């Protein structure tokens, strides 16, 4: 339980490290790093529970999201699909890691999990009208600008997970 709560706090703190690209209301944040590690360190069930708790606590108004945001209105705004994708990503990564992957396959699990964040985001943005992204520019504005950073975060999270799971800390996790 301590690790779960710590990862939720870690994710909320890392959400505050953000920057915006020009003409893009979705910030680049480091909260993804914490979300990815939830799955890798806690497995599919606890990873799901931790990421769902993070989202529900933020939805309840606790300022866990970027810029100290929280509340129902924020989670149903333009970033809502990405936030839903966090749950899918951490659960999927947890599932793959629980299978006992080699180090190189662990990295692939994180890359797959990271890419799954985009599926609910794209569906969300195509259903609801936020006046963004511009018509016909869904991928070029809502996915492509984030790919390099998210790939780097996935690799860093996988390397941190590999290191932690090979260390003496493993007995406190999973």
N, C-alpha and C. Protein backbone atom coordinates (compact mmCIF):
# COMPACT_ATOMS: atom_id res chain seq x y z
N UNK A 1 0.82 -1.20 0.00
CA UNK A 1 0.00 0.00 0.00
C UNK A 1 0.87 1.26 0.00
N UNK A 2 1.97 1.22 0.74
CA UNK A 2 2.86 2.38 0.80
C UNK A 2 3.41 2.72 -0.58
N UNK A 3 3.80 1.71 -1.34
CA UNK A 3 4.34 1.93 -2.68
C UNK A 3 3.26 2.52 -3.58
N UNK A 4 2.04 2.03 -3.46
CA UNK A 4 0.92 2.54 -4.27
C UNK A 4 0.68 4.01 -4.00
N UNK A 5 0.58 4.37 -2.73
CA UNK A 5 0.36 5.77 -2.35
C UNK A 5 1.54 6.63 -2.79
N UNK A 6 2.74 6.11 -2.62
CA UNK A 6 3.94 6.85 -3.04
C UNK A 6 3.94 7.12 -4.53
N UNK A 7 3.54 6.13 -5.32
CA UNK A 7 3.50 6.32 -6.77
C UNK A 7 2.42 7.32 -7.18
N UNK A 8 1.30 7.33 -6.48
CA UNK A 8 0.25 8.32 -6.77
C UNK A 8 0.77 9.72 -6.47
N UNK A 9 1.44 9.90 -5.34
CA UNK A 9 2.00 11.21 -4.98
C UNK A 9 3.10 11.59 -5.97
N UNK A 10 3.99 10.66 -6.27
CA UNK A 10 5.07 10.88 -7.24
C UNK A 10 4.50 11.34 -8.58
N UNK A 11 3.44 10.70 -9.02
CA UNK A 11 2.81 11.05 -10.30
C UNK A 11 2.21 12.45 -10.24
N UNK A 12 1.55 12.78 -9.13
CA UNK A 12 0.98 14.11 -8.97
C UNK A 12 2.04 15.20 -8.93
N UNK A 13 3.16 14.93 -8.28
CA UNK A 13 4.26 15.90 -8.24
C UNK A 13 4.86 16.06 -9.63
N UNK A 14 5.08 14.94 -10.31
CA UNK A 14 5.67 15.01 -11.65
C UNK A 14 4.73 15.65 -12.68
N UNK A 15 3.44 15.67 -12.40
CA UNK A 15 2.49 16.33 -13.31
C UNK A 15 2.73 17.84 -13.34
N UNK A 16 3.36 18.36 -12.30
CA UNK A 16 3.60 19.80 -12.24
C UNK A 16 4.77 20.24 -13.12
N UNK A 17 5.59 19.29 -13.54
CA UNK A 17 6.67 19.59 -14.48
C UNK A 17 6.08 19.50 -15.88
N UNK A 18 5.79 20.65 -16.45
CA UNK A 18 5.07 20.66 -17.72
C UNK A 18 5.49 21.83 -18.58
N UNK A 19 5.23 21.67 -19.85
CA UNK A 19 5.35 22.79 -20.76
C UNK A 19 4.41 22.57 -21.93
N UNK A 20 4.04 23.68 -22.54
CA UNK A 20 3.07 23.64 -23.63
C UNK A 20 3.77 23.91 -24.96
N UNK A 21 3.32 23.23 -25.97
CA UNK A 21 3.75 23.51 -27.32
C UNK A 21 2.87 24.62 -27.88
N UNK A 22 3.35 25.37 -28.86
CA UNK A 22 2.53 26.44 -29.43
C UNK A 22 1.20 25.89 -29.98
N UNK A 23 0.13 26.58 -29.70
CA UNK A 23 -1.21 26.25 -30.20
C UNK A 23 -1.67 24.85 -29.82
N UNK A 24 -1.24 24.38 -28.65
CA UNK A 24 -1.64 23.05 -28.20
C UNK A 24 -2.05 23.13 -26.73
N UNK A 25 -3.32 22.86 -26.41
CA UNK A 25 -3.79 22.97 -25.03
C UNK A 25 -3.38 21.79 -24.14
N UNK A 26 -2.84 20.74 -24.74
CA UNK A 26 -2.42 19.56 -23.98
C UNK A 26 -0.94 19.71 -23.65
N UNK A 27 -0.60 19.77 -22.36
CA UNK A 27 0.80 19.97 -22.00
C UNK A 27 1.61 18.68 -22.09
N UNK A 28 2.89 18.85 -22.24
CA UNK A 28 3.82 17.75 -22.08
C UNK A 28 4.18 17.73 -20.60
N UNK A 29 3.91 16.62 -19.93
CA UNK A 29 4.18 16.52 -18.50
C UNK A 29 5.01 15.27 -18.21
N UNK A 30 5.47 15.18 -16.98
CA UNK A 30 6.20 14.01 -16.55
C UNK A 30 5.33 13.04 -15.74
N UNK A 31 4.02 13.35 -15.63
CA UNK A 31 3.14 12.44 -14.90
C UNK A 31 3.08 11.07 -15.56
N UNK A 32 3.29 11.04 -16.87
CA UNK A 32 3.27 9.77 -17.59
C UNK A 32 4.30 8.81 -17.02
N UNK A 33 5.43 9.33 -16.60
CA UNK A 33 6.48 8.49 -16.02
C UNK A 33 5.95 7.73 -14.81
N UNK A 34 5.24 8.41 -13.93
CA UNK A 34 4.67 7.77 -12.75
C UNK A 34 3.58 6.77 -13.11
N UNK A 35 2.74 7.13 -14.05
CA UNK A 35 1.67 6.23 -14.49
C UNK A 35 2.25 4.94 -15.03
N UNK A 36 3.28 5.04 -15.87
CA UNK A 36 3.89 3.86 -16.46
C UNK A 36 4.52 2.98 -15.39
N UNK A 37 5.16 3.61 -14.41
CA UNK A 37 5.81 2.84 -13.35
C UNK A 37 4.80 2.16 -12.43
N UNK A 38 3.60 2.72 -12.32
CA UNK A 38 2.57 2.05 -11.52
C UNK A 38 2.34 0.64 -12.03
N UNK A 39 2.18 0.51 -13.32
CA UNK A 39 1.95 -0.81 -13.89
C UNK A 39 3.16 -1.72 -13.76
N UNK A 40 4.33 -1.18 -14.05
CA UNK A 40 5.54 -1.98 -14.02
C UNK A 40 5.93 -2.46 -12.64
N UNK A 41 5.70 -1.63 -11.64
CA UNK A 41 6.10 -1.99 -10.28
C UNK A 41 5.01 -2.70 -9.49
N UNK A 42 3.76 -2.44 -9.84
CA UNK A 42 2.66 -2.98 -9.04
C UNK A 42 1.93 -4.15 -9.69
N UNK A 43 2.19 -4.39 -10.96
CA UNK A 43 1.47 -5.45 -11.66
C UNK A 43 0.13 -4.96 -12.17
N UNK A 44 -0.61 -5.82 -12.87
CA UNK A 44 -1.83 -5.36 -13.52
C UNK A 44 -2.95 -4.95 -12.56
N UNK A 45 -3.17 -5.70 -11.49
CA UNK A 45 -4.28 -5.38 -10.59
C UNK A 45 -4.00 -4.12 -9.78
N UNK A 46 -2.85 -4.08 -9.13
CA UNK A 46 -2.51 -2.91 -8.32
C UNK A 46 -2.17 -1.71 -9.21
N UNK A 47 -1.59 -1.96 -10.37
CA UNK A 47 -1.33 -0.87 -11.32
C UNK A 47 -2.63 -0.23 -11.78
N UNK A 48 -3.61 -1.08 -12.07
CA UNK A 48 -4.94 -0.58 -12.42
C UNK A 48 -5.52 0.22 -11.26
N UNK A 49 -5.45 -0.35 -10.06
CA UNK A 49 -6.00 0.32 -8.89
C UNK A 49 -5.32 1.65 -8.59
N UNK A 50 -4.00 1.68 -8.73
CA UNK A 50 -3.25 2.91 -8.45
C UNK A 50 -3.57 3.98 -9.49
N UNK A 51 -3.59 3.61 -10.76
CA UNK A 51 -3.87 4.61 -11.80
C UNK A 51 -5.33 5.07 -11.73
N UNK A 52 -6.24 4.15 -11.45
CA UNK A 52 -7.64 4.54 -11.28
C UNK A 52 -7.79 5.46 -10.07
N UNK A 53 -7.10 5.16 -8.98
CA UNK A 53 -7.14 6.02 -7.79
C UNK A 53 -6.60 7.40 -8.10
N UNK A 54 -5.51 7.46 -8.85
CA UNK A 54 -4.94 8.75 -9.25
C UNK A 54 -5.99 9.57 -10.01
N UNK A 55 -6.64 8.94 -10.98
CA UNK A 55 -7.64 9.63 -11.78
C UNK A 55 -8.84 10.04 -10.93
N UNK A 56 -9.34 9.14 -10.09
CA UNK A 56 -10.51 9.46 -9.27
C UNK A 56 -10.21 10.53 -8.23
N UNK A 57 -9.01 10.49 -7.64
CA UNK A 57 -8.63 11.54 -6.69
C UNK A 57 -8.54 12.89 -7.38
N UNK A 58 -7.96 12.90 -8.57
CA UNK A 58 -7.92 14.13 -9.35
C UNK A 58 -9.31 14.60 -9.73
N UNK A 59 -10.15 13.67 -10.14
CA UNK A 59 -11.52 14.00 -10.52
C UNK A 59 -12.30 14.55 -9.32
N UNK A 60 -11.96 14.08 -8.12
CA UNK A 60 -12.63 14.55 -6.91
C UNK A 60 -12.18 15.95 -6.50
N UNK A 61 -11.17 16.47 -7.17
CA UNK A 61 -10.74 17.83 -6.88
C UNK A 61 -9.36 17.97 -6.27
N UNK A 62 -8.72 16.87 -5.95
CA UNK A 62 -7.35 16.96 -5.43
C UNK A 62 -6.45 17.39 -6.59
N UNK A 63 -5.63 18.40 -6.39
CA UNK A 63 -4.85 18.98 -7.49
C UNK A 63 -3.66 18.12 -7.93
N UNK A 64 -3.96 16.96 -8.49
CA UNK A 64 -2.92 16.03 -8.91
C UNK A 64 -2.49 16.21 -10.36
N UNK A 65 -3.29 16.89 -11.16
CA UNK A 65 -2.97 17.02 -12.57
C UNK A 65 -2.12 18.27 -12.82
N UNK A 66 -1.65 18.41 -14.04
CA UNK A 66 -0.75 19.51 -14.39
C UNK A 66 -1.31 20.85 -13.95
N UNK A 67 -0.41 21.70 -13.51
CA UNK A 67 -0.79 23.04 -13.09
C UNK A 67 -1.62 23.06 -11.82
N UNK A 68 -1.59 21.99 -11.04
CA UNK A 68 -2.39 21.93 -9.82
C UNK A 68 -3.88 21.79 -10.10
N UNK A 69 -4.21 21.29 -11.27
CA UNK A 69 -5.61 21.12 -11.64
C UNK A 69 -6.19 19.85 -11.05
N UNK A 70 -7.48 19.86 -10.91
CA UNK A 70 -8.24 18.71 -10.47
C UNK A 70 -9.71 19.03 -10.65
N UNK A 71 -10.55 18.08 -10.37
CA UNK A 71 -11.98 18.30 -10.48
C UNK A 71 -12.58 17.65 -11.71
N UNK A 72 -13.89 17.46 -11.63
CA UNK A 72 -14.61 16.78 -12.71
C UNK A 72 -14.51 17.55 -14.02
N UNK A 73 -14.63 18.87 -13.97
CA UNK A 73 -14.57 19.67 -15.20
C UNK A 73 -13.23 19.50 -15.91
N UNK A 74 -12.15 19.43 -15.14
CA UNK A 74 -10.84 19.27 -15.77
C UNK A 74 -10.72 17.90 -16.43
N UNK A 75 -11.18 16.87 -15.75
CA UNK A 75 -11.02 15.51 -16.30
C UNK A 75 -11.96 15.24 -17.46
N UNK A 76 -12.95 16.07 -17.66
CA UNK A 76 -13.83 15.91 -18.82
C UNK A 76 -13.50 16.92 -19.91
N UNK A 77 -12.39 17.62 -19.75
CA UNK A 77 -11.97 18.59 -20.76
C UNK A 77 -11.11 17.95 -21.84
N UNK A 78 -10.33 18.76 -22.48
CA UNK A 78 -9.54 18.33 -23.63
C UNK A 78 -8.55 17.21 -23.31
N UNK A 79 -8.08 17.14 -22.07
CA UNK A 79 -7.11 16.09 -21.70
C UNK A 79 -7.79 14.82 -21.16
N UNK A 80 -9.10 14.80 -21.09
CA UNK A 80 -9.82 13.67 -20.50
C UNK A 80 -9.50 12.32 -21.12
N UNK A 81 -9.37 12.26 -22.42
CA UNK A 81 -9.05 11.00 -23.08
C UNK A 81 -7.67 10.49 -22.74
N UNK A 82 -6.73 11.41 -22.61
CA UNK A 82 -5.38 11.02 -22.21
C UNK A 82 -5.40 10.46 -20.79
N UNK A 83 -6.16 11.11 -19.93
CA UNK A 83 -6.26 10.68 -18.53
C UNK A 83 -6.86 9.28 -18.45
N UNK A 84 -7.89 9.01 -19.24
CA UNK A 84 -8.46 7.66 -19.29
C UNK A 84 -7.41 6.67 -19.79
N UNK A 85 -6.63 7.10 -20.76
CA UNK A 85 -5.57 6.25 -21.32
C UNK A 85 -4.52 5.86 -20.31
N UNK A 86 -4.32 6.68 -19.28
CA UNK A 86 -3.36 6.33 -18.23
C UNK A 86 -3.71 4.99 -17.59
N UNK A 87 -4.99 4.78 -17.35
CA UNK A 87 -5.43 3.54 -16.70
C UNK A 87 -5.16 2.34 -17.61
N UNK A 88 -5.46 2.50 -18.86
CA UNK A 88 -5.20 1.44 -19.84
C UNK A 88 -3.71 1.12 -19.94
N UNK A 89 -2.89 2.16 -19.96
CA UNK A 89 -1.44 1.99 -20.09
C UNK A 89 -0.85 1.26 -18.89
N UNK A 90 -1.17 1.71 -17.68
CA UNK A 90 -0.57 1.08 -16.49
C UNK A 90 -1.02 -0.37 -16.33
N UNK A 91 -2.27 -0.64 -16.64
CA UNK A 91 -2.77 -2.01 -16.53
C UNK A 91 -2.09 -2.93 -17.54
N UNK A 92 -1.94 -2.46 -18.76
CA UNK A 92 -1.31 -3.26 -19.81
C UNK A 92 0.16 -3.51 -19.50
N UNK A 93 0.86 -2.48 -19.07
CA UNK A 93 2.27 -2.66 -18.70
C UNK A 93 2.39 -3.66 -17.55
N UNK A 94 1.53 -3.53 -16.56
CA UNK A 94 1.53 -4.46 -15.44
C UNK A 94 1.33 -5.90 -15.89
N UNK A 95 0.43 -6.08 -16.83
CA UNK A 95 0.17 -7.42 -17.37
C UNK A 95 1.42 -8.00 -18.01
N UNK A 96 2.07 -7.21 -18.85
CA UNK A 96 3.28 -7.70 -19.54
C UNK A 96 4.42 -7.96 -18.57
N UNK A 97 4.63 -7.06 -17.62
CA UNK A 97 5.74 -7.21 -16.67
C UNK A 97 5.51 -8.43 -15.78
N UNK A 98 4.27 -8.67 -15.41
CA UNK A 98 3.94 -9.84 -14.58
C UNK A 98 4.32 -11.15 -15.29
N UNK A 99 4.37 -11.11 -16.61
CA UNK A 99 4.75 -12.30 -17.39
C UNK A 99 6.23 -12.63 -17.25
N UNK A 100 7.01 -11.73 -16.64
CA UNK A 100 8.44 -11.98 -16.44
C UNK A 100 9.24 -11.77 -17.71
N UNK A 101 9.18 -10.59 -18.24
CA UNK A 101 9.86 -10.29 -19.50
C UNK A 101 11.35 -10.04 -19.32
N UNK A 102 12.11 -10.29 -20.37
CA UNK A 102 13.52 -9.91 -20.38
C UNK A 102 13.60 -8.39 -20.41
N UNK A 103 14.80 -7.86 -20.16
CA UNK A 103 14.96 -6.41 -20.12
C UNK A 103 14.53 -5.75 -21.43
N UNK A 104 14.92 -6.31 -22.56
CA UNK A 104 14.56 -5.69 -23.84
C UNK A 104 13.06 -5.77 -24.09
N UNK A 105 12.44 -6.85 -23.69
CA UNK A 105 10.99 -6.96 -23.85
C UNK A 105 10.25 -6.06 -22.87
N UNK A 106 10.86 -5.79 -21.74
CA UNK A 106 10.27 -4.86 -20.77
C UNK A 106 10.13 -3.48 -21.40
N UNK A 107 11.15 -3.07 -22.13
CA UNK A 107 11.09 -1.77 -22.81
C UNK A 107 9.94 -1.76 -23.81
N UNK A 108 9.76 -2.85 -24.54
CA UNK A 108 8.65 -2.93 -25.50
C UNK A 108 7.30 -2.87 -24.79
N UNK A 109 7.19 -3.47 -23.63
CA UNK A 109 5.94 -3.40 -22.86
C UNK A 109 5.60 -1.95 -22.53
N UNK A 110 6.61 -1.19 -22.15
CA UNK A 110 6.40 0.22 -21.83
C UNK A 110 6.04 1.03 -23.07
N UNK A 111 6.66 0.73 -24.18
CA UNK A 111 6.34 1.44 -25.42
C UNK A 111 4.91 1.14 -25.87
N UNK A 112 4.51 -0.11 -25.74
CA UNK A 112 3.13 -0.48 -26.09
C UNK A 112 2.15 0.22 -25.14
N UNK A 113 2.44 0.17 -23.84
CA UNK A 113 1.58 0.83 -22.86
C UNK A 113 1.46 2.32 -23.12
N UNK A 114 2.57 2.95 -23.44
CA UNK A 114 2.56 4.38 -23.74
C UNK A 114 1.68 4.68 -24.94
N UNK A 115 1.79 3.86 -25.96
CA UNK A 115 0.99 4.11 -27.17
C UNK A 115 -0.50 3.95 -26.90
N UNK A 116 -0.85 3.14 -25.91
CA UNK A 116 -2.26 2.93 -25.59
C UNK A 116 -2.92 4.16 -24.96
N UNK A 117 -2.12 5.08 -24.46
CA UNK A 117 -2.69 6.34 -23.93
C UNK A 117 -3.40 7.10 -25.04
N UNK A 118 -2.90 6.97 -26.25
CA UNK A 118 -3.44 7.75 -27.37
C UNK A 118 -4.80 7.25 -27.85
N UNK A 119 -5.11 5.98 -27.65
CA UNK A 119 -6.37 5.45 -28.19
C UNK A 119 -7.59 6.15 -27.57
N UNK A 120 -7.74 6.17 -26.23
CA UNK A 120 -8.88 6.90 -25.68
C UNK A 120 -8.80 8.40 -25.96
N UNK A 121 -7.58 8.93 -26.03
CA UNK A 121 -7.43 10.36 -26.33
C UNK A 121 -7.98 10.69 -27.71
N UNK A 122 -7.65 9.89 -28.69
CA UNK A 122 -8.13 10.13 -30.06
C UNK A 122 -9.64 9.95 -30.15
N UNK A 123 -10.15 8.93 -29.49
CA UNK A 123 -11.61 8.73 -29.49
C UNK A 123 -12.30 9.91 -28.82
N UNK A 124 -11.79 10.31 -27.67
CA UNK A 124 -12.34 11.43 -26.89
C UNK A 124 -12.36 12.71 -27.73
N UNK A 125 -11.24 13.02 -28.35
CA UNK A 125 -11.13 14.26 -29.12
C UNK A 125 -11.96 14.22 -30.40
N UNK A 126 -12.22 13.04 -30.93
CA UNK A 126 -13.03 12.96 -32.14
C UNK A 126 -14.53 13.01 -31.82
N UNK A 127 -14.91 12.66 -30.60
CA UNK A 127 -16.32 12.68 -30.21
C UNK A 127 -16.74 14.06 -29.70
N UNK A 128 -15.94 14.65 -28.83
CA UNK A 128 -16.30 15.91 -28.20
C UNK A 128 -15.65 17.09 -28.92
N UNK A 129 -16.36 18.20 -28.96
CA UNK A 129 -15.87 19.39 -29.65
C UNK A 129 -15.25 20.36 -28.65
N UNK A 130 -13.93 20.43 -28.65
CA UNK A 130 -13.20 21.36 -27.80
C UNK A 130 -12.59 22.49 -28.62
N UNK A 131 -12.97 22.57 -29.89
CA UNK A 131 -12.37 23.52 -30.85
C UNK A 131 -10.88 23.25 -31.03
N UNK A 132 -10.48 22.08 -30.69
CA UNK A 132 -9.11 21.61 -30.88
C UNK A 132 -9.15 20.10 -30.88
N UNK A 133 -8.43 19.42 -31.64
CA UNK A 133 -7.55 19.92 -32.70
C UNK A 133 -8.35 20.40 -33.90
N UNK A 134 -7.65 21.10 -34.77
CA UNK A 134 -8.29 21.61 -35.97
C UNK A 134 -8.80 20.46 -36.82
N UNK A 135 -9.84 20.73 -37.58
CA UNK A 135 -10.43 19.72 -38.46
C UNK A 135 -9.37 19.07 -39.35
N UNK A 136 -9.32 17.76 -39.34
CA UNK A 136 -8.37 17.02 -40.18
C UNK A 136 -6.95 16.95 -39.64
N UNK A 137 -6.74 17.44 -38.42
CA UNK A 137 -5.38 17.46 -37.86
C UNK A 137 -5.29 16.71 -36.53
N UNK A 138 -6.13 15.71 -36.37
CA UNK A 138 -6.17 14.98 -35.10
C UNK A 138 -4.82 14.36 -34.75
N UNK A 139 -4.26 13.58 -35.65
CA UNK A 139 -2.98 12.94 -35.36
C UNK A 139 -1.84 13.94 -35.28
N UNK A 140 -1.82 14.90 -36.20
CA UNK A 140 -0.69 15.84 -36.24
C UNK A 140 -0.66 16.78 -35.04
N UNK A 141 -1.79 16.98 -34.37
CA UNK A 141 -1.80 17.86 -33.21
C UNK A 141 -1.95 17.12 -31.88
N UNK A 142 -2.60 15.97 -31.88
CA UNK A 142 -2.90 15.29 -30.62
C UNK A 142 -2.00 14.09 -30.33
N UNK A 143 -1.21 13.66 -31.31
CA UNK A 143 -0.33 12.51 -31.10
C UNK A 143 1.11 12.82 -31.46
N UNK A 144 1.35 13.20 -32.70
CA UNK A 144 2.72 13.36 -33.19
C UNK A 144 3.61 14.25 -32.33
N UNK A 145 3.10 15.37 -31.80
CA UNK A 145 3.98 16.23 -30.99
C UNK A 145 4.49 15.56 -29.70
N UNK A 146 3.81 14.51 -29.27
CA UNK A 146 4.14 13.87 -28.00
C UNK A 146 4.97 12.60 -28.14
N UNK A 147 5.13 12.10 -29.35
CA UNK A 147 5.75 10.79 -29.55
C UNK A 147 7.19 10.70 -29.05
N UNK A 148 8.01 11.67 -29.36
CA UNK A 148 9.42 11.60 -28.95
C UNK A 148 9.53 11.64 -27.43
N UNK A 149 8.87 12.59 -26.80
CA UNK A 149 8.92 12.70 -25.34
C UNK A 149 8.35 11.48 -24.65
N UNK A 150 7.24 10.97 -25.16
CA UNK A 150 6.63 9.79 -24.54
C UNK A 150 7.50 8.55 -24.73
N UNK A 151 8.18 8.47 -25.85
CA UNK A 151 9.11 7.35 -26.06
C UNK A 151 10.25 7.41 -25.06
N UNK A 152 10.79 8.60 -24.86
CA UNK A 152 11.87 8.78 -23.88
C UNK A 152 11.38 8.42 -22.48
N UNK A 153 10.19 8.90 -22.11
CA UNK A 153 9.64 8.59 -20.78
C UNK A 153 9.40 7.09 -20.62
N UNK A 154 8.96 6.43 -21.67
CA UNK A 154 8.74 4.97 -21.60
C UNK A 154 10.05 4.24 -21.38
N UNK A 155 11.09 4.66 -22.07
CA UNK A 155 12.40 4.01 -21.91
C UNK A 155 12.95 4.26 -20.51
N UNK A 156 12.85 5.50 -20.03
CA UNK A 156 13.33 5.82 -18.68
C UNK A 156 12.54 5.03 -17.63
N UNK A 157 11.22 4.99 -17.76
CA UNK A 157 10.40 4.24 -16.80
C UNK A 157 10.74 2.76 -16.82
N UNK A 158 10.98 2.21 -18.01
CA UNK A 158 11.31 0.78 -18.07
C UNK A 158 12.67 0.51 -17.44
N UNK A 159 13.63 1.39 -17.67
CA UNK A 159 14.96 1.20 -17.07
C UNK A 159 14.91 1.34 -15.55
N UNK A 160 14.12 2.30 -15.07
CA UNK A 160 13.94 2.44 -13.62
C UNK A 160 13.27 1.19 -13.03
N UNK A 161 12.26 0.70 -13.71
CA UNK A 161 11.57 -0.51 -13.24
C UNK A 161 12.52 -1.70 -13.22
N UNK A 162 13.28 -1.88 -14.29
CA UNK A 162 14.25 -2.98 -14.35
C UNK A 162 15.22 -2.88 -13.18
N UNK A 163 15.73 -1.67 -12.94
CA UNK A 163 16.68 -1.46 -11.84
C UNK A 163 16.07 -1.76 -10.48
N UNK A 164 14.85 -1.28 -10.27
CA UNK A 164 14.19 -1.51 -8.98
C UNK A 164 13.87 -2.99 -8.79
N UNK A 165 13.38 -3.64 -9.82
CA UNK A 165 13.01 -5.05 -9.69
C UNK A 165 14.22 -5.96 -9.52
N UNK A 166 15.40 -5.49 -9.94
CA UNK A 166 16.62 -6.27 -9.75
C UNK A 166 17.31 -5.94 -8.42
N UNK A 167 16.82 -4.92 -7.75
CA UNK A 167 17.45 -4.49 -6.50
C UNK A 167 16.78 -5.17 -5.30
N UNK A 168 17.26 -4.80 -4.14
CA UNK A 168 16.70 -5.33 -2.89
C UNK A 168 15.31 -4.75 -2.61
N UNK A 169 14.93 -3.72 -3.34
CA UNK A 169 13.61 -3.13 -3.15
C UNK A 169 12.49 -4.02 -3.66
N UNK A 170 12.83 -4.99 -4.48
CA UNK A 170 11.82 -5.85 -5.08
C UNK A 170 10.91 -6.50 -4.05
N UNK A 171 11.45 -6.84 -2.90
CA UNK A 171 10.63 -7.52 -1.89
C UNK A 171 9.49 -6.65 -1.36
N UNK A 172 9.56 -5.34 -1.59
CA UNK A 172 8.52 -4.43 -1.12
C UNK A 172 7.47 -4.15 -2.19
N UNK A 173 7.67 -4.72 -3.37
CA UNK A 173 6.81 -4.42 -4.52
C UNK A 173 6.19 -5.71 -5.02
N UNK A 174 5.06 -5.58 -5.68
CA UNK A 174 4.32 -6.72 -6.24
C UNK A 174 3.99 -7.66 -5.14
